[in-house]
């Protein structure tokens, strides 16, 4: 996902000195790249993920940057207690089956009075043009589950707030935002997302589901070409650990 057009979020991050930063579920490094450009300052940076292919893409992204990338689980992180000043998580909650364990690990490795920033897209109150991206996400969700990888639909605002509430965080603030600018017909991005769909479908070759998903992927790709990519609204939460 391209975060560069999330100008409100960029502005809010611009007031934060991240110091020692951990990005949980770093993926291909898209959010971390955006965060490092947006924070007022930072000193040390680590990203962690379980997906080998995504992490390799992140390594290419940060080839010339002092970013440490680690292949490991967010539910059992290889870091000492209270090491990080700031922890970011963007669009990973719906990839984690055991949210309490995730939050327990996050609070363990974050300093007392440290900051946790959660950014998640919302599955509600979306405009008609945003349906293309939500169809894409639902498609990928179904594919991942067929391939044995946990992936659920994204949450509503109320659901995310209920997930956060029982844990060792103080909710400082949250806001809902959409992209405020950008080229929704960006051909490079349309092709990149289309290529990710094709690769996902290729993983089902030889199965009973292959041709069904192959046809569905073409429909979504054609819709991207026709309408562009209009991403759903996101909610960003600023939390402080006890």
C-alpha atoms as a PDB file:
ATOM      1  CA  UNK A   1       0.000   0.000   0.000  1.00  0.00           C
ATOM      2  CA  UNK A   2       1.158   3.507  -0.858  1.00  0.00           C
ATOM      3  CA  UNK A   3       0.783   5.694   2.249  1.00  0.00           C
ATOM      4  CA  UNK A   4       2.310   8.861   0.817  1.00  0.00           C
ATOM      5  CA  UNK A   5      -1.051  10.548   0.227  1.00  0.00           C
ATOM      6  CA  UNK A   6      -2.167  10.211   3.860  1.00  0.00           C
ATOM      7  CA  UNK A   7      -1.351  13.835   4.541  1.00  0.00           C
ATOM      8  CA  UNK A   8      -3.225  14.161   7.850  1.00  0.00           C
ATOM      9  CA  UNK A   9      -1.349  11.180   9.294  1.00  0.00           C
ATOM     10  CA  UNK A  10       1.926  12.546   7.942  1.00  0.00           C
ATOM     11  CA  UNK A  11       1.273  15.849   9.711  1.00  0.00           C
ATOM     12  CA  UNK A  12       0.487  14.155  13.018  1.00  0.00           C
ATOM     13  CA  UNK A  13       3.615  11.999  12.899  1.00  0.00           C
ATOM     14  CA  UNK A  14       5.662  15.102  12.177  1.00  0.00           C
ATOM     15  CA  UNK A  15       5.364  16.180  15.827  1.00  0.00           C
ATOM     16  CA  UNK A  16       6.807  12.926  17.217  1.00  0.00           C
ATOM     17  CA  UNK A  17      10.417  12.089  18.089  1.00  0.00           C
ATOM     18  CA  UNK A  18      10.286   8.325  17.623  1.00  0.00           C
ATOM     19  CA  UNK A  19      13.736   7.599  19.127  1.00  0.00           C
ATOM     20  CA  UNK A  20      14.136   3.773  19.085  1.00  0.00           C
ATOM     21  CA  UNK A  21      11.392   2.563  16.747  1.00  0.00           C
ATOM     22  CA  UNK A  22       9.885  -0.870  16.027  1.00  0.00           C
ATOM     23  CA  UNK A  23       7.522  -1.490  13.110  1.00  0.00           C
ATOM     24  CA  UNK A  24       5.548  -4.679  13.768  1.00  0.00           C
ATOM     25  CA  UNK A  25       4.374  -6.440  10.603  1.00  0.00           C
ATOM     26  CA  UNK A  26       6.732  -4.418   8.442  1.00  0.00           C
ATOM     27  CA  UNK A  27       5.719  -6.299   5.271  1.00  0.00           C
ATOM     28  CA  UNK A  28       7.290  -4.765   2.183  1.00  0.00           C
ATOM     29  CA  UNK A  29       8.282  -1.705   4.208  1.00  0.00           C
ATOM     30  CA  UNK A  30       5.757   0.721   2.740  1.00  0.00           C
ATOM     31  CA  UNK A  31       4.414   2.099   6.014  1.00  0.00           C
ATOM     32  CA  UNK A  32       7.843   2.172   7.655  1.00  0.00           C
ATOM     33  CA  UNK A  33       9.263   4.158   4.736  1.00  0.00           C
ATOM     34  CA  UNK A  34       6.369   6.625   5.101  1.00  0.00           C
ATOM     35  CA  UNK A  35       6.815   6.816   8.894  1.00  0.00           C
ATOM     36  CA  UNK A  36      10.554   7.488   8.708  1.00  0.00           C
ATOM     37  CA  UNK A  37       9.918  10.370   6.297  1.00  0.00           C
ATOM     38  CA  UNK A  38       7.111  11.687   8.523  1.00  0.00           C
ATOM     39  CA  UNK A  39       8.441  11.490  12.108  1.00  0.00           C
ATOM     40  CA  UNK A  40      10.171  14.622  13.377  1.00  0.00           C
ATOM     41  CA  UNK A  41      13.173  12.449  14.282  1.00  0.00           C
ATOM     42  CA  UNK A  42      14.273   8.889  14.997  1.00  0.00           C
ATOM     43  CA  UNK A  43      17.494   7.190  16.111  1.00  0.00           C
ATOM     44  CA  UNK A  44      17.290   3.400  15.656  1.00  0.00           C
ATOM     45  CA  UNK A  45      14.804   1.398  13.592  1.00  0.00           C
ATOM     46  CA  UNK A  46      13.790  -2.269  13.541  1.00  0.00           C
ATOM     47  CA  UNK A  47      11.106  -4.005  11.472  1.00  0.00           C
ATOM     48  CA  UNK A  48       9.761  -7.515  12.120  1.00  0.00           C
ATOM     49  CA  UNK A  49       7.637  -9.848   9.982  1.00  0.00           C
ATOM     50  CA  UNK A  50       7.032 -13.551   9.411  1.00  0.00           C
ATOM     51  CA  UNK A  51       6.688 -13.405   5.618  1.00  0.00           C
ATOM     52  CA  UNK A  52       9.969 -14.153   3.859  1.00  0.00           C
ATOM     53  CA  UNK A  53       8.992 -12.719   0.470  1.00  0.00           C
ATOM     54  CA  UNK A  54       7.684  -9.455   1.935  1.00  0.00           C
ATOM     55  CA  UNK A  55      10.739  -9.071   4.135  1.00  0.00           C
ATOM     56  CA  UNK A  56      13.015  -9.486   1.130  1.00  0.00           C
ATOM     57  CA  UNK A  57      11.131  -6.658  -0.586  1.00  0.00           C
ATOM     58  CA  UNK A  58      11.637  -4.539   2.549  1.00  0.00           C
ATOM     59  CA  UNK A  59      15.362  -5.321   2.507  1.00  0.00           C
ATOM     60  CA  UNK A  60      15.509  -4.023  -1.057  1.00  0.00           C
ATOM     61  CA  UNK A  61      13.560  -0.926   0.008  1.00  0.00           C
ATOM     62  CA  UNK A  62      15.980  -0.165   2.862  1.00  0.00           C
ATOM     63  CA  UNK A  63      19.161  -1.382   1.205  1.00  0.00           C
ATOM     64  CA  UNK A  64      20.926   1.920   1.819  1.00  0.00           C
ATOM     65  CA  UNK A  65      19.265   2.766   5.158  1.00  0.00           C
ATOM     66  CA  UNK A  66      20.265   1.857   8.745  1.00  0.00           C
ATOM     67  CA  UNK A  67      17.117  -0.258   9.225  1.00  0.00           C
ATOM     68  CA  UNK A  68      17.372  -3.700  10.845  1.00  0.00           C
ATOM     69  CA  UNK A  69      14.850  -6.250   9.512  1.00  0.00           C
ATOM     70  CA  UNK A  70      14.093  -9.454  11.392  1.00  0.00           C
ATOM     71  CA  UNK A  71      12.210 -12.580  10.311  1.00  0.00           C
ATOM     72  CA  UNK A  72      10.255 -13.597  13.407  1.00  0.00           C
ATOM     73  CA  UNK A  73       6.810 -13.703  15.008  1.00  0.00           C
ATOM     74  CA  UNK A  74       5.120 -10.638  16.493  1.00  0.00           C
ATOM     75  CA  UNK A  75       3.691 -12.967  19.155  1.00  0.00           C
ATOM     76  CA  UNK A  76       7.120 -13.882  20.519  1.00  0.00           C
ATOM     77  CA  UNK A  77       9.595 -11.147  19.641  1.00  0.00           C
ATOM     78  CA  UNK A  78      13.345 -11.550  20.229  1.00  0.00           C
ATOM     79  CA  UNK A  79      13.721  -8.247  22.083  1.00  0.00           C
ATOM     80  CA  UNK A  80      14.393  -7.404  25.715  1.00  0.00           C
ATOM     81  CA  UNK A  81      11.738  -5.861  27.957  1.00  0.00           C
ATOM     82  CA  UNK A  82      11.161  -2.143  27.496  1.00  0.00           C
ATOM     83  CA  UNK A  83      13.612  -1.665  24.632  1.00  0.00           C
ATOM     84  CA  UNK A  84      11.578   0.508  22.229  1.00  0.00           C
ATOM     85  CA  UNK A  85      10.336   4.073  22.658  1.00  0.00           C
ATOM     86  CA  UNK A  86       7.835   3.881  19.805  1.00  0.00           C
ATOM     87  CA  UNK A  87       6.038   0.964  18.166  1.00  0.00           C
ATOM     88  CA  UNK A  88       4.048   1.247  14.934  1.00  0.00           C
ATOM     89  CA  UNK A  89       1.597  -1.244  13.448  1.00  0.00           C
ATOM     90  CA  UNK A  90      -0.201  -0.540  10.183  1.00  0.00           C
ATOM     91  CA  UNK A  91      -2.873  -2.814   8.767  1.00  0.00           C
ATOM     92  CA  UNK A  92      -1.719  -5.892  10.659  1.00  0.00           C
ATOM     93  CA  UNK A  93      -4.477  -6.440  13.249  1.00  0.00           C
ATOM     94  CA  UNK A  94      -6.624  -8.324  10.743  1.00  0.00           C
ATOM     95  CA  UNK A  95      -3.638 -10.626  10.026  1.00  0.00           C
ATOM     96  CA  UNK A  96      -3.241 -11.680  13.670  1.00  0.00           C
ATOM     97  CA  UNK A  97      -5.514 -14.362  15.121  1.00  0.00           C
ATOM     98  CA  UNK A  98      -4.460 -13.842  18.728  1.00  0.00           C
ATOM     99  CA  UNK A  99      -4.715 -10.095  19.347  1.00  0.00           C
ATOM    100  CA  UNK A 100      -4.266 -10.345  23.158  1.00  0.00           C
ATOM    101  CA  UNK A 101      -0.914 -12.104  22.654  1.00  0.00           C
ATOM    102  CA  UNK A 102       0.148  -9.449  20.146  1.00  0.00           C
ATOM    103  CA  UNK A 103      -0.686  -6.629  22.539  1.00  0.00           C
ATOM    104  CA  UNK A 104       1.029  -8.418  25.443  1.00  0.00           C
ATOM    105  CA  UNK A 105       4.236  -8.622  23.395  1.00  0.00           C
ATOM    106  CA  UNK A 106       3.955  -5.021  22.256  1.00  0.00           C
ATOM    107  CA  UNK A 107       3.598  -3.763  25.836  1.00  0.00           C
ATOM    108  CA  UNK A 108       6.469  -6.036  26.950  1.00  0.00           C
ATOM    109  CA  UNK A 109       9.014  -4.677  24.457  1.00  0.00           C
ATOM    110  CA  UNK A 110       7.848  -1.044  24.684  1.00  0.00           C
ATOM    111  CA  UNK A 111       9.119   1.267  27.401  1.00  0.00           C
ATOM    112  CA  UNK A 112       6.805   2.434  30.162  1.00  0.00           C
ATOM    113  CA  UNK A 113       5.128   5.610  28.890  1.00  0.00           C
ATOM    114  CA  UNK A 114       6.215   4.623  25.409  1.00  0.00           C
ATOM    115  CA  UNK A 115       4.038   5.294  22.365  1.00  0.00           C
ATOM    116  CA  UNK A 116       2.167   2.713  20.298  1.00  0.00           C
ATOM    117  CA  UNK A 117       0.652   3.868  16.994  1.00  0.00           C
ATOM    118  CA  UNK A 118      -1.936   1.650  15.315  1.00  0.00           C
ATOM    119  CA  UNK A 119      -3.135   2.475  11.801  1.00  0.00           C
ATOM    120  CA  UNK A 120      -5.919   0.308  10.345  1.00  0.00           C
ATOM    121  CA  UNK A 121      -8.234   0.615   7.376  1.00  0.00           C
ATOM    122  CA  UNK A 122     -11.926   0.535   8.245  1.00  0.00           C
ATOM    123  CA  UNK A 123     -14.569  -1.774   6.853  1.00  0.00           C
ATOM    124  CA  UNK A 124     -17.492   0.663   7.074  1.00  0.00           C
ATOM    125  CA  UNK A 125     -18.931   3.888   5.680  1.00  0.00           C
ATOM    126  CA  UNK A 126     -16.976   3.697   2.446  1.00  0.00           C
ATOM    127  CA  UNK A 127     -17.769   5.483  -0.793  1.00  0.00           C
ATOM    128  CA  UNK A 128     -18.734   3.620  -3.954  1.00  0.00           C
ATOM    129  CA  UNK A 129     -15.345   4.267  -5.559  1.00  0.00           C
ATOM    130  CA  UNK A 130     -13.612   2.622  -2.582  1.00  0.00           C
ATOM    131  CA  UNK A 131     -15.394  -0.682  -3.235  1.00  0.00           C
ATOM    132  CA  UNK A 132     -12.686  -1.749  -5.689  1.00  0.00           C
ATOM    133  CA  UNK A 133     -10.042  -1.819  -2.971  1.00  0.00           C
ATOM    134  CA  UNK A 134     -12.373  -3.573  -0.513  1.00  0.00           C
ATOM    135  CA  UNK A 135     -13.176  -6.210  -3.156  1.00  0.00           C
ATOM    136  CA  UNK A 136      -9.426  -6.629  -3.665  1.00  0.00           C
ATOM    137  CA  UNK A 137      -8.888  -7.035   0.065  1.00  0.00           C
ATOM    138  CA  UNK A 138     -11.732  -9.551   0.457  1.00  0.00           C
ATOM    139  CA  UNK A 139     -10.333 -11.508  -2.487  1.00  0.00           C
ATOM    140  CA  UNK A 140      -6.840 -11.643  -0.954  1.00  0.00           C
ATOM    141  CA  UNK A 141      -8.357 -12.582   2.417  1.00  0.00           C
ATOM    142  CA  UNK A 142     -10.155 -15.572   0.885  1.00  0.00           C
ATOM    143  CA  UNK A 143      -7.040 -16.619  -1.014  1.00  0.00           C
ATOM    144  CA  UNK A 144      -4.797 -16.448   2.038  1.00  0.00           C
ATOM    145  CA  UNK A 145      -7.216 -18.567   4.043  1.00  0.00           C
ATOM    146  CA  UNK A 146      -7.335 -21.152   1.254  1.00  0.00           C
ATOM    147  CA  UNK A 147      -3.541 -21.222   1.361  1.00  0.00           C
ATOM    148  CA  UNK A 148      -3.565 -21.774   5.145  1.00  0.00           C
ATOM    149  CA  UNK A 149      -2.573 -18.233   6.159  1.00  0.00           C
ATOM    150  CA  UNK A 150      -4.805 -16.493   8.722  1.00  0.00           C
ATOM    151  CA  UNK A 151      -6.397 -13.362   7.285  1.00  0.00           C
ATOM    152  CA  UNK A 152      -9.766 -11.852   8.196  1.00  0.00           C
ATOM    153  CA  UNK A 153     -11.846  -8.931   7.014  1.00  0.00           C
ATOM    154  CA  UNK A 154     -10.819  -5.552   8.357  1.00  0.00           C
ATOM    155  CA  UNK A 155     -12.501  -4.146  11.455  1.00  0.00           C
ATOM    156  CA  UNK A 156     -15.023  -1.421  12.151  1.00  0.00           C
ATOM    157  CA  UNK A 157     -14.003   1.468  14.399  1.00  0.00           C
ATOM    158  CA  UNK A 158     -16.078   0.058  17.259  1.00  0.00           C
ATOM    159  CA  UNK A 159     -14.393  -3.336  16.939  1.00  0.00           C
ATOM    160  CA  UNK A 160     -10.889  -1.849  17.041  1.00  0.00           C
ATOM    161  CA  UNK A 161     -11.724   0.231  20.104  1.00  0.00           C
ATOM    162  CA  UNK A 162     -13.035  -2.886  21.856  1.00  0.00           C
ATOM    163  CA  UNK A 163      -9.793  -4.746  21.018  1.00  0.00           C
ATOM    164  CA  UNK A 164      -7.658  -1.959  22.457  1.00  0.00           C
ATOM    165  CA  UNK A 165      -9.701  -1.308  25.601  1.00  0.00           C
ATOM    166  CA  UNK A 166      -8.823  -4.347  27.751  1.00  0.00           C
ATOM    167  CA  UNK A 167      -5.067  -4.013  27.327  1.00  0.00           C
ATOM    168  CA  UNK A 168      -2.276  -2.097  28.989  1.00  0.00           C
ATOM    169  CA  UNK A 169      -2.639   1.039  26.912  1.00  0.00           C
ATOM    170  CA  UNK A 170      -3.942   4.480  27.615  1.00  0.00           C
ATOM    171  CA  UNK A 171      -5.750   5.785  24.528  1.00  0.00           C
ATOM    172  CA  UNK A 172      -4.382   9.284  23.993  1.00  0.00           C
ATOM    173  CA  UNK A 173      -6.187  10.104  20.774  1.00  0.00           C
ATOM    174  CA  UNK A 174      -7.516   8.691  17.525  1.00  0.00           C
ATOM    175  CA  UNK A 175      -8.793  10.082  14.255  1.00  0.00           C
ATOM    176  CA  UNK A 176     -10.292   8.843  10.996  1.00  0.00           C
ATOM    177  CA  UNK A 177      -8.751   9.928   7.721  1.00  0.00           C
ATOM    178  CA  UNK A 178      -8.735   9.343   3.982  1.00  0.00           C
ATOM    179  CA  UNK A 179      -6.198  10.057   1.297  1.00  0.00           C
ATOM    180  CA  UNK A 180      -6.431  13.748   0.479  1.00  0.00           C
ATOM    181  CA  UNK A 181      -4.624  13.756  -2.840  1.00  0.00           C
ATOM    182  CA  UNK A 182      -2.849  11.520  -5.247  1.00  0.00           C
ATOM    183  CA  UNK A 183      -3.207   9.926  -8.651  1.00  0.00           C
ATOM    184  CA  UNK A 184      -5.808   7.161  -8.302  1.00  0.00           C
ATOM    185  CA  UNK A 185      -5.003   6.085 -11.878  1.00  0.00           C
ATOM    186  CA  UNK A 186      -1.276   5.621 -11.157  1.00  0.00           C
ATOM    187  CA  UNK A 187      -0.389   2.890 -13.652  1.00  0.00           C
ATOM    188  CA  UNK A 188       2.675   1.721 -11.732  1.00  0.00           C
ATOM    189  CA  UNK A 189       0.639   1.082  -8.602  1.00  0.00           C
ATOM    190  CA  UNK A 190      -2.266  -0.512 -10.484  1.00  0.00           C
ATOM    191  CA  UNK A 191       0.165  -2.901 -12.148  1.00  0.00           C
ATOM    192  CA  UNK A 192       1.960  -3.665  -8.865  1.00  0.00           C
ATOM    193  CA  UNK A 193      -1.307  -4.577  -7.120  1.00  0.00           C
ATOM    194  CA  UNK A 194      -2.496  -6.526 -10.156  1.00  0.00           C
ATOM    195  CA  UNK A 195       0.774  -8.455 -10.175  1.00  0.00           C
ATOM    196  CA  UNK A 196       0.330  -9.326  -6.488  1.00  0.00           C
ATOM    197  CA  UNK A 197      -3.119 -10.728  -7.321  1.00  0.00           C
ATOM    198  CA  UNK A 198      -1.706 -12.860 -10.118  1.00  0.00           C
ATOM    199  CA  UNK A 199       1.016 -14.251  -7.847  1.00  0.00           C
ATOM    200  CA  UNK A 200      -1.533 -15.072  -5.141  1.00  0.00           C
ATOM    201  CA  UNK A 201      -3.738 -16.912  -7.630  1.00  0.00           C
ATOM    202  CA  UNK A 202      -0.734 -18.807  -9.002  1.00  0.00           C
ATOM    203  CA  UNK A 203      -0.384 -20.397  -5.548  1.00  0.00           C
ATOM    204  CA  UNK A 204      -3.684 -22.236  -6.163  1.00  0.00           C
ATOM    205  CA  UNK A 205      -2.648 -23.782  -9.493  1.00  0.00           C
ATOM    206  CA  UNK A 206      -3.692 -27.402  -9.646  1.00  0.00           C
ATOM    207  CA  UNK A 207      -6.465 -26.954  -7.065  1.00  0.00           C
ATOM    208  CA  UNK A 208     -10.223 -27.023  -7.606  1.00  0.00           C
ATOM    209  CA  UNK A 209     -10.364 -23.310  -6.821  1.00  0.00           C
ATOM    210  CA  UNK A 210      -7.818 -22.072  -9.341  1.00  0.00           C
ATOM    211  CA  UNK A 211     -10.026 -21.097 -12.300  1.00  0.00           C
ATOM    212  CA  UNK A 212     -12.678 -19.515 -10.083  1.00  0.00           C
ATOM    213  CA  UNK A 213     -10.098 -17.246  -8.448  1.00  0.00           C
ATOM    214  CA  UNK A 214      -8.288 -16.625 -11.708  1.00  0.00           C
ATOM    215  CA  UNK A 215     -11.498 -15.265 -13.252  1.00  0.00           C
ATOM    216  CA  UNK A 216     -12.284 -13.189 -10.160  1.00  0.00           C
ATOM    217  CA  UNK A 217      -8.800 -11.681 -10.182  1.00  0.00           C
ATOM    218  CA  UNK A 218      -9.290 -10.566 -13.793  1.00  0.00           C
ATOM    219  CA  UNK A 219     -12.537  -8.829 -12.823  1.00  0.00           C
ATOM    220  CA  UNK A 220     -10.799  -6.914 -10.029  1.00  0.00           C
ATOM    221  CA  UNK A 221      -7.827  -5.993 -12.228  1.00  0.00           C
ATOM    222  CA  UNK A 222     -10.193  -4.698 -14.940  1.00  0.00           C
ATOM    223  CA  UNK A 223     -12.019  -2.671 -12.310  1.00  0.00           C
ATOM    224  CA  UNK A 224      -8.724  -1.143 -11.137  1.00  0.00           C
ATOM    225  CA  UNK A 225      -7.909  -0.201 -14.740  1.00  0.00           C
ATOM    226  CA  UNK A 226     -11.325   1.401 -15.190  1.00  0.00           C
ATOM    227  CA  UNK A 227     -11.806   3.211 -11.846  1.00  0.00           C
ATOM    228  CA  UNK A 228      -8.308   3.439 -10.358  1.00  0.00           C
ATOM    229  CA  UNK A 229      -7.452   2.699  -6.739  1.00  0.00           C
ATOM    230  CA  UNK A 230      -9.479   4.577  -4.118  1.00  0.00           C
ATOM    231  CA  UNK A 231      -8.462   3.321  -0.687  1.00  0.00           C
ATOM    232  CA  UNK A 232     -10.896   3.034   2.222  1.00  0.00           C
ATOM    233  CA  UNK A 233     -10.763   5.303   5.237  1.00  0.00           C
ATOM    234  CA  UNK A 234      -8.252   4.537   7.964  1.00  0.00           C
ATOM    235  CA  UNK A 235      -8.305   5.055  11.716  1.00  0.00           C
ATOM    236  CA  UNK A 236      -5.089   5.894  13.540  1.00  0.00           C
ATOM    237  CA  UNK A 237      -4.757   5.396  17.310  1.00  0.00           C
ATOM    238  CA  UNK A 238      -2.116   6.979  19.534  1.00  0.00           C
ATOM    239  CA  UNK A 239      -1.609   4.909  22.690  1.00  0.00           C
ATOM    240  CA  UNK A 240       0.680   5.163  25.684  1.00  0.00           C
ATOM    241  CA  UNK A 241       1.880   2.132  27.630  1.00  0.00           C
ATOM    242  CA  UNK A 242       1.465   2.057  31.408  1.00  0.00           C
END
